[in-house]
N, C-alpha and C. Protein backbone atom coordinates (compact mmCIF):
# COMPACT_ATOMS: atom_id res chain seq x y z
N MET A 1 -87.38 86.40 -28.58
CA MET A 1 -86.13 87.12 -28.54
C MET A 1 -85.67 87.16 -27.09
N ARG A 2 -84.85 86.20 -26.71
CA ARG A 2 -84.35 86.13 -25.35
C ARG A 2 -83.09 86.97 -25.24
N MET A 3 -83.03 87.75 -24.17
CA MET A 3 -81.87 88.59 -23.96
C MET A 3 -80.89 87.90 -23.03
N THR A 4 -79.62 87.95 -23.39
CA THR A 4 -78.58 87.38 -22.56
C THR A 4 -78.13 88.41 -21.54
N ARG A 5 -77.22 88.01 -20.67
CA ARG A 5 -76.70 88.95 -19.67
C ARG A 5 -75.97 90.11 -20.33
N VAL A 6 -75.26 89.81 -21.39
CA VAL A 6 -74.53 90.88 -22.09
C VAL A 6 -75.52 91.87 -22.69
N ASP A 7 -76.63 91.37 -23.24
CA ASP A 7 -77.65 92.26 -23.80
C ASP A 7 -78.23 93.17 -22.73
N TRP A 8 -78.53 92.60 -21.57
CA TRP A 8 -79.07 93.42 -20.48
C TRP A 8 -78.05 94.45 -19.99
N PHE A 9 -76.78 94.10 -20.05
CA PHE A 9 -75.74 95.04 -19.63
C PHE A 9 -75.59 96.17 -20.65
N LEU A 10 -75.66 95.83 -21.92
CA LEU A 10 -75.46 96.84 -22.97
C LEU A 10 -76.71 97.66 -23.29
N LEU A 11 -77.89 97.17 -22.93
CA LEU A 11 -79.13 97.87 -23.23
C LEU A 11 -79.17 99.30 -22.67
N PRO A 12 -78.85 99.53 -21.38
CA PRO A 12 -78.88 100.91 -20.88
C PRO A 12 -77.88 101.82 -21.60
N ILE A 13 -76.75 101.26 -21.99
CA ILE A 13 -75.76 102.07 -22.70
C ILE A 13 -76.31 102.46 -24.07
N LEU A 14 -76.95 101.52 -24.76
CA LEU A 14 -77.54 101.80 -26.06
C LEU A 14 -78.67 102.82 -25.97
N VAL A 15 -79.53 102.65 -24.97
CA VAL A 15 -80.65 103.58 -24.78
C VAL A 15 -80.13 104.97 -24.45
N ALA A 16 -79.11 105.06 -23.60
CA ALA A 16 -78.54 106.36 -23.26
C ALA A 16 -77.89 107.02 -24.47
N ALA A 17 -77.19 106.24 -25.28
CA ALA A 17 -76.56 106.80 -26.48
C ALA A 17 -77.62 107.30 -27.47
N LEU A 18 -78.67 106.52 -27.68
CA LEU A 18 -79.74 106.94 -28.59
C LEU A 18 -80.46 108.17 -28.06
N ALA A 19 -80.70 108.20 -26.75
CA ALA A 19 -81.35 109.37 -26.16
C ALA A 19 -80.46 110.61 -26.29
N GLY A 20 -79.16 110.45 -26.09
CA GLY A 20 -78.25 111.58 -26.25
C GLY A 20 -78.20 112.08 -27.68
N ILE A 21 -78.18 111.17 -28.64
CA ILE A 21 -78.18 111.57 -30.05
C ILE A 21 -79.49 112.27 -30.41
N ALA A 22 -80.61 111.71 -29.96
CA ALA A 22 -81.91 112.31 -30.26
C ALA A 22 -82.03 113.68 -29.60
N PHE A 23 -81.57 113.80 -28.36
CA PHE A 23 -81.64 115.09 -27.67
C PHE A 23 -80.73 116.11 -28.35
N GLY A 24 -79.53 115.67 -28.75
CA GLY A 24 -78.63 116.58 -29.46
C GLY A 24 -79.21 117.03 -30.79
N ALA A 25 -79.83 116.11 -31.51
CA ALA A 25 -80.46 116.48 -32.78
C ALA A 25 -81.62 117.44 -32.55
N PHE A 26 -82.37 117.22 -31.46
CA PHE A 26 -83.47 118.13 -31.14
C PHE A 26 -82.96 119.52 -30.80
N LEU A 27 -81.88 119.60 -30.02
CA LEU A 27 -81.32 120.90 -29.68
C LEU A 27 -80.74 121.60 -30.90
N LEU A 28 -80.15 120.82 -31.79
CA LEU A 28 -79.51 121.38 -32.98
C LEU A 28 -80.52 121.82 -34.03
N ALA A 29 -81.51 120.98 -34.31
CA ALA A 29 -82.42 121.28 -35.42
C ALA A 29 -83.89 121.15 -35.05
N GLY A 30 -84.22 120.99 -33.79
CA GLY A 30 -85.61 120.89 -33.39
C GLY A 30 -86.22 119.56 -33.79
N PHE A 31 -87.54 119.58 -34.01
CA PHE A 31 -88.23 118.34 -34.35
C PHE A 31 -87.79 117.80 -35.70
N LEU A 32 -87.37 118.68 -36.59
CA LEU A 32 -86.88 118.24 -37.89
C LEU A 32 -85.63 117.37 -37.71
N GLY A 33 -84.79 117.69 -36.74
CA GLY A 33 -83.60 116.89 -36.44
C GLY A 33 -83.97 115.49 -35.97
N LEU A 34 -85.03 115.38 -35.15
CA LEU A 34 -85.48 114.06 -34.71
C LEU A 34 -85.94 113.21 -35.90
N GLY A 35 -86.65 113.84 -36.81
CA GLY A 35 -87.11 113.13 -38.00
C GLY A 35 -85.95 112.65 -38.86
N VAL A 36 -84.93 113.48 -38.99
CA VAL A 36 -83.76 113.10 -39.78
C VAL A 36 -83.00 111.96 -39.11
N VAL A 37 -82.85 112.01 -37.80
CA VAL A 37 -82.20 110.90 -37.09
C VAL A 37 -82.99 109.61 -37.28
N GLY A 38 -84.31 109.69 -37.25
CA GLY A 38 -85.15 108.52 -37.51
C GLY A 38 -84.95 107.99 -38.92
N LEU A 39 -84.84 108.88 -39.89
CA LEU A 39 -84.58 108.45 -41.27
C LEU A 39 -83.23 107.77 -41.40
N ILE A 40 -82.21 108.31 -40.74
CA ILE A 40 -80.87 107.71 -40.80
C ILE A 40 -80.89 106.31 -40.20
N ILE A 41 -81.52 106.15 -39.04
CA ILE A 41 -81.60 104.84 -38.41
C ILE A 41 -82.38 103.87 -39.30
N GLY A 42 -83.46 104.34 -39.90
CA GLY A 42 -84.26 103.49 -40.78
C GLY A 42 -83.50 103.04 -42.02
N VAL A 43 -82.75 103.95 -42.62
CA VAL A 43 -81.97 103.59 -43.81
C VAL A 43 -80.87 102.59 -43.45
N MET A 44 -80.22 102.80 -42.31
CA MET A 44 -79.18 101.86 -41.89
C MET A 44 -79.78 100.47 -41.63
N ALA A 45 -80.94 100.41 -40.96
CA ALA A 45 -81.58 99.12 -40.69
C ALA A 45 -82.00 98.44 -41.98
N LEU A 46 -82.52 99.20 -42.91
CA LEU A 46 -82.93 98.63 -44.19
C LEU A 46 -81.74 98.10 -44.97
N ARG A 47 -80.64 98.84 -44.98
CA ARG A 47 -79.44 98.40 -45.69
C ARG A 47 -78.86 97.12 -45.07
N ILE A 48 -78.85 97.05 -43.75
CA ILE A 48 -78.36 95.84 -43.08
C ILE A 48 -79.26 94.66 -43.41
N GLU A 49 -80.57 94.89 -43.45
CA GLU A 49 -81.49 93.80 -43.79
C GLU A 49 -81.29 93.33 -45.23
N LEU A 50 -81.05 94.26 -46.13
CA LEU A 50 -80.82 93.88 -47.52
C LEU A 50 -79.53 93.08 -47.68
N GLU A 51 -78.52 93.39 -46.89
CA GLU A 51 -77.22 92.74 -47.03
C GLU A 51 -77.04 91.54 -46.09
N LYS A 52 -78.10 91.06 -45.49
CA LYS A 52 -77.96 89.94 -44.55
C LYS A 52 -77.50 88.66 -45.23
N ASP A 53 -77.78 88.51 -46.51
CA ASP A 53 -77.37 87.31 -47.24
C ASP A 53 -76.10 87.51 -48.04
N GLY A 54 -75.55 88.71 -48.05
CA GLY A 54 -74.32 88.96 -48.79
C GLY A 54 -74.33 90.35 -49.39
N ALA A 55 -73.32 90.64 -50.18
CA ALA A 55 -73.17 91.95 -50.79
C ALA A 55 -74.32 92.21 -51.77
N VAL A 56 -74.70 93.48 -51.88
CA VAL A 56 -75.83 93.86 -52.74
C VAL A 56 -75.41 95.02 -53.64
N SER A 57 -75.76 94.91 -54.91
CA SER A 57 -75.74 95.99 -55.90
C SER A 57 -74.44 96.79 -55.98
N ASN A 58 -73.42 96.16 -56.48
CA ASN A 58 -72.19 96.88 -56.77
C ASN A 58 -71.62 96.30 -58.06
N VAL A 59 -71.29 97.17 -58.99
CA VAL A 59 -70.79 96.72 -60.29
C VAL A 59 -69.46 95.99 -60.14
N MET A 60 -68.67 96.37 -59.17
CA MET A 60 -67.34 95.80 -59.00
C MET A 60 -67.37 94.40 -58.37
N THR A 61 -68.52 93.94 -57.90
CA THR A 61 -68.56 92.68 -57.17
C THR A 61 -69.33 91.59 -57.91
N THR A 62 -69.28 91.58 -59.23
CA THR A 62 -70.04 90.57 -59.96
C THR A 62 -69.52 89.16 -59.67
N SER A 63 -68.22 88.98 -59.54
CA SER A 63 -67.70 87.65 -59.22
C SER A 63 -67.95 87.28 -57.76
N LEU A 64 -68.20 88.27 -56.92
CA LEU A 64 -68.47 88.00 -55.51
C LEU A 64 -69.77 87.23 -55.34
N TYR A 65 -70.76 87.52 -56.17
CA TYR A 65 -72.03 86.80 -56.09
C TYR A 65 -71.82 85.31 -56.33
N ALA A 66 -71.05 84.99 -57.37
CA ALA A 66 -70.77 83.59 -57.68
C ALA A 66 -70.01 82.92 -56.54
N ASP A 67 -69.06 83.61 -55.97
CA ASP A 67 -68.30 83.06 -54.85
C ASP A 67 -69.20 82.80 -53.63
N GLN A 68 -70.13 83.73 -53.39
CA GLN A 68 -71.05 83.56 -52.26
C GLN A 68 -71.97 82.36 -52.48
N MET A 69 -72.46 82.20 -53.71
CA MET A 69 -73.32 81.06 -54.00
C MET A 69 -72.57 79.73 -53.86
N LYS A 70 -71.32 79.69 -54.31
CA LYS A 70 -70.52 78.48 -54.16
C LYS A 70 -70.28 78.17 -52.68
N ALA A 71 -70.00 79.21 -51.90
CA ALA A 71 -69.75 79.00 -50.47
C ALA A 71 -71.01 78.48 -49.78
N ARG A 72 -72.19 78.99 -50.15
CA ARG A 72 -73.44 78.51 -49.55
C ARG A 72 -73.71 77.06 -49.94
N GLU A 73 -73.41 76.71 -51.18
CA GLU A 73 -73.64 75.34 -51.62
C GLU A 73 -72.71 74.36 -50.91
N ASN A 74 -71.52 74.80 -50.57
CA ASN A 74 -70.54 73.93 -49.92
C ASN A 74 -70.69 73.87 -48.40
N MET A 75 -71.64 74.61 -47.84
CA MET A 75 -71.83 74.61 -46.39
C MET A 75 -72.41 73.28 -45.94
N THR A 76 -72.00 72.89 -44.75
CA THR A 76 -72.60 71.70 -44.15
C THR A 76 -73.98 72.07 -43.59
N ARG A 77 -74.71 71.05 -43.20
CA ARG A 77 -76.05 71.30 -42.66
C ARG A 77 -75.98 72.12 -41.37
N ALA A 78 -74.99 71.86 -40.54
CA ALA A 78 -74.82 72.60 -39.29
C ALA A 78 -74.48 74.06 -39.57
N GLU A 79 -73.64 74.30 -40.57
CA GLU A 79 -73.29 75.68 -40.91
C GLU A 79 -74.50 76.44 -41.45
N ARG A 80 -75.33 75.76 -42.23
CA ARG A 80 -76.56 76.40 -42.73
C ARG A 80 -77.50 76.73 -41.58
N ALA A 81 -77.62 75.81 -40.63
CA ALA A 81 -78.48 76.05 -39.46
C ALA A 81 -77.95 77.22 -38.64
N GLU A 82 -76.64 77.29 -38.47
CA GLU A 82 -76.04 78.40 -37.73
C GLU A 82 -76.29 79.72 -38.44
N ARG A 83 -76.12 79.73 -39.74
CA ARG A 83 -76.35 80.95 -40.53
C ARG A 83 -77.81 81.39 -40.44
N HIS A 84 -78.72 80.42 -40.48
CA HIS A 84 -80.14 80.74 -40.37
C HIS A 84 -80.47 81.31 -38.99
N ALA A 85 -79.90 80.73 -37.94
CA ALA A 85 -80.14 81.22 -36.58
C ALA A 85 -79.60 82.64 -36.41
N GLU A 86 -78.43 82.92 -36.97
CA GLU A 86 -77.88 84.27 -36.91
C GLU A 86 -78.77 85.25 -37.66
N SER A 87 -79.29 84.83 -38.79
CA SER A 87 -80.16 85.68 -39.59
C SER A 87 -81.46 86.00 -38.84
N VAL A 88 -82.03 85.00 -38.19
CA VAL A 88 -83.26 85.21 -37.43
C VAL A 88 -83.01 86.19 -36.28
N THR A 89 -81.91 86.02 -35.58
CA THR A 89 -81.57 86.93 -34.48
C THR A 89 -81.35 88.35 -34.98
N LEU A 90 -80.66 88.48 -36.09
CA LEU A 90 -80.43 89.81 -36.67
C LEU A 90 -81.73 90.47 -37.05
N LEU A 91 -82.64 89.73 -37.65
CA LEU A 91 -83.91 90.31 -38.08
C LEU A 91 -84.76 90.75 -36.89
N LYS A 92 -84.66 90.05 -35.76
CA LYS A 92 -85.40 90.48 -34.57
C LYS A 92 -84.89 91.82 -34.07
N TRP A 93 -83.57 91.99 -34.04
CA TRP A 93 -83.02 93.27 -33.58
C TRP A 93 -83.27 94.37 -34.59
N LEU A 94 -83.28 94.03 -35.88
CA LEU A 94 -83.58 95.03 -36.90
C LEU A 94 -85.02 95.51 -36.79
N PHE A 95 -85.91 94.64 -36.35
CA PHE A 95 -87.29 95.05 -36.13
C PHE A 95 -87.36 96.13 -35.05
N VAL A 96 -86.58 95.96 -33.99
CA VAL A 96 -86.53 96.97 -32.93
C VAL A 96 -86.01 98.29 -33.48
N ALA A 97 -84.96 98.23 -34.31
CA ALA A 97 -84.40 99.45 -34.90
C ALA A 97 -85.43 100.12 -35.81
N LYS A 98 -86.21 99.34 -36.55
CA LYS A 98 -87.23 99.91 -37.42
C LYS A 98 -88.34 100.58 -36.63
N VAL A 99 -88.72 99.99 -35.50
CA VAL A 99 -89.76 100.59 -34.66
C VAL A 99 -89.27 101.91 -34.07
N VAL A 100 -88.02 101.92 -33.59
CA VAL A 100 -87.44 103.16 -33.06
C VAL A 100 -87.37 104.21 -34.17
N SER A 101 -86.97 103.80 -35.35
CA SER A 101 -86.89 104.70 -36.49
C SER A 101 -88.26 105.28 -36.83
N ALA A 102 -89.27 104.42 -36.89
CA ALA A 102 -90.62 104.90 -37.21
C ALA A 102 -91.12 105.87 -36.14
N GLY A 103 -90.84 105.56 -34.88
CA GLY A 103 -91.25 106.46 -33.81
C GLY A 103 -90.60 107.82 -33.92
N LEU A 104 -89.30 107.85 -34.19
CA LEU A 104 -88.61 109.13 -34.32
C LEU A 104 -89.10 109.90 -35.54
N ILE A 105 -89.36 109.20 -36.63
CA ILE A 105 -89.85 109.87 -37.83
C ILE A 105 -91.23 110.47 -37.58
N ILE A 106 -92.12 109.70 -37.00
CA ILE A 106 -93.47 110.20 -36.73
C ILE A 106 -93.43 111.35 -35.73
N LEU A 107 -92.67 111.18 -34.67
CA LEU A 107 -92.57 112.23 -33.65
C LEU A 107 -91.94 113.49 -34.23
N GLY A 108 -90.80 113.32 -34.90
CA GLY A 108 -90.07 114.48 -35.41
C GLY A 108 -90.82 115.23 -36.49
N PHE A 109 -91.16 114.54 -37.58
CA PHE A 109 -91.83 115.23 -38.68
C PHE A 109 -93.27 115.60 -38.34
N GLY A 110 -93.92 114.77 -37.50
CA GLY A 110 -95.29 115.09 -37.09
C GLY A 110 -95.36 116.38 -36.29
N PHE A 111 -94.51 116.50 -35.27
CA PHE A 111 -94.51 117.74 -34.49
C PHE A 111 -93.98 118.92 -35.29
N PHE A 112 -93.05 118.67 -36.20
CA PHE A 112 -92.57 119.76 -37.06
C PHE A 112 -93.71 120.34 -37.88
N VAL A 113 -94.48 119.46 -38.52
CA VAL A 113 -95.62 119.93 -39.33
C VAL A 113 -96.67 120.57 -38.44
N LEU A 114 -96.94 119.95 -37.29
CA LEU A 114 -97.96 120.47 -36.37
C LEU A 114 -97.62 121.90 -35.93
N PHE A 115 -96.36 122.11 -35.55
CA PHE A 115 -95.99 123.44 -35.06
C PHE A 115 -95.78 124.45 -36.19
N GLN A 116 -95.49 123.98 -37.40
CA GLN A 116 -95.34 124.91 -38.52
C GLN A 116 -96.71 125.39 -39.01
N LEU A 117 -97.71 124.52 -38.94
CA LEU A 117 -99.04 124.90 -39.38
C LEU A 117 -99.83 125.59 -38.28
N GLY A 118 -99.44 125.39 -37.04
CA GLY A 118 -100.22 125.92 -35.90
C GLY A 118 -99.81 127.26 -35.44
């Protein structure tokens, strides 16, 4: 996972935003708030991973599945390679989001239970 110049420029902004949200959740609801923020990040990452190949689970989009399959079949080899490369890059960043989510969940709910029982 090689980071470009834009990634290095945006990384401190992303870290500061996440730290601000986590700190605000901690001030608002304590460790339970950190756990909830971790759950929200985890659910968003999971949903993005599920939808990486197209729309998922909606009754109104039954014809959309067929259209997506036709579009994939009509792709050139270069377009398929580009789509695969984008998917690999997305999954690498989603792994980072999942690790952050797991950390916030463990930290938030773990300390919540620890201090409630202690």
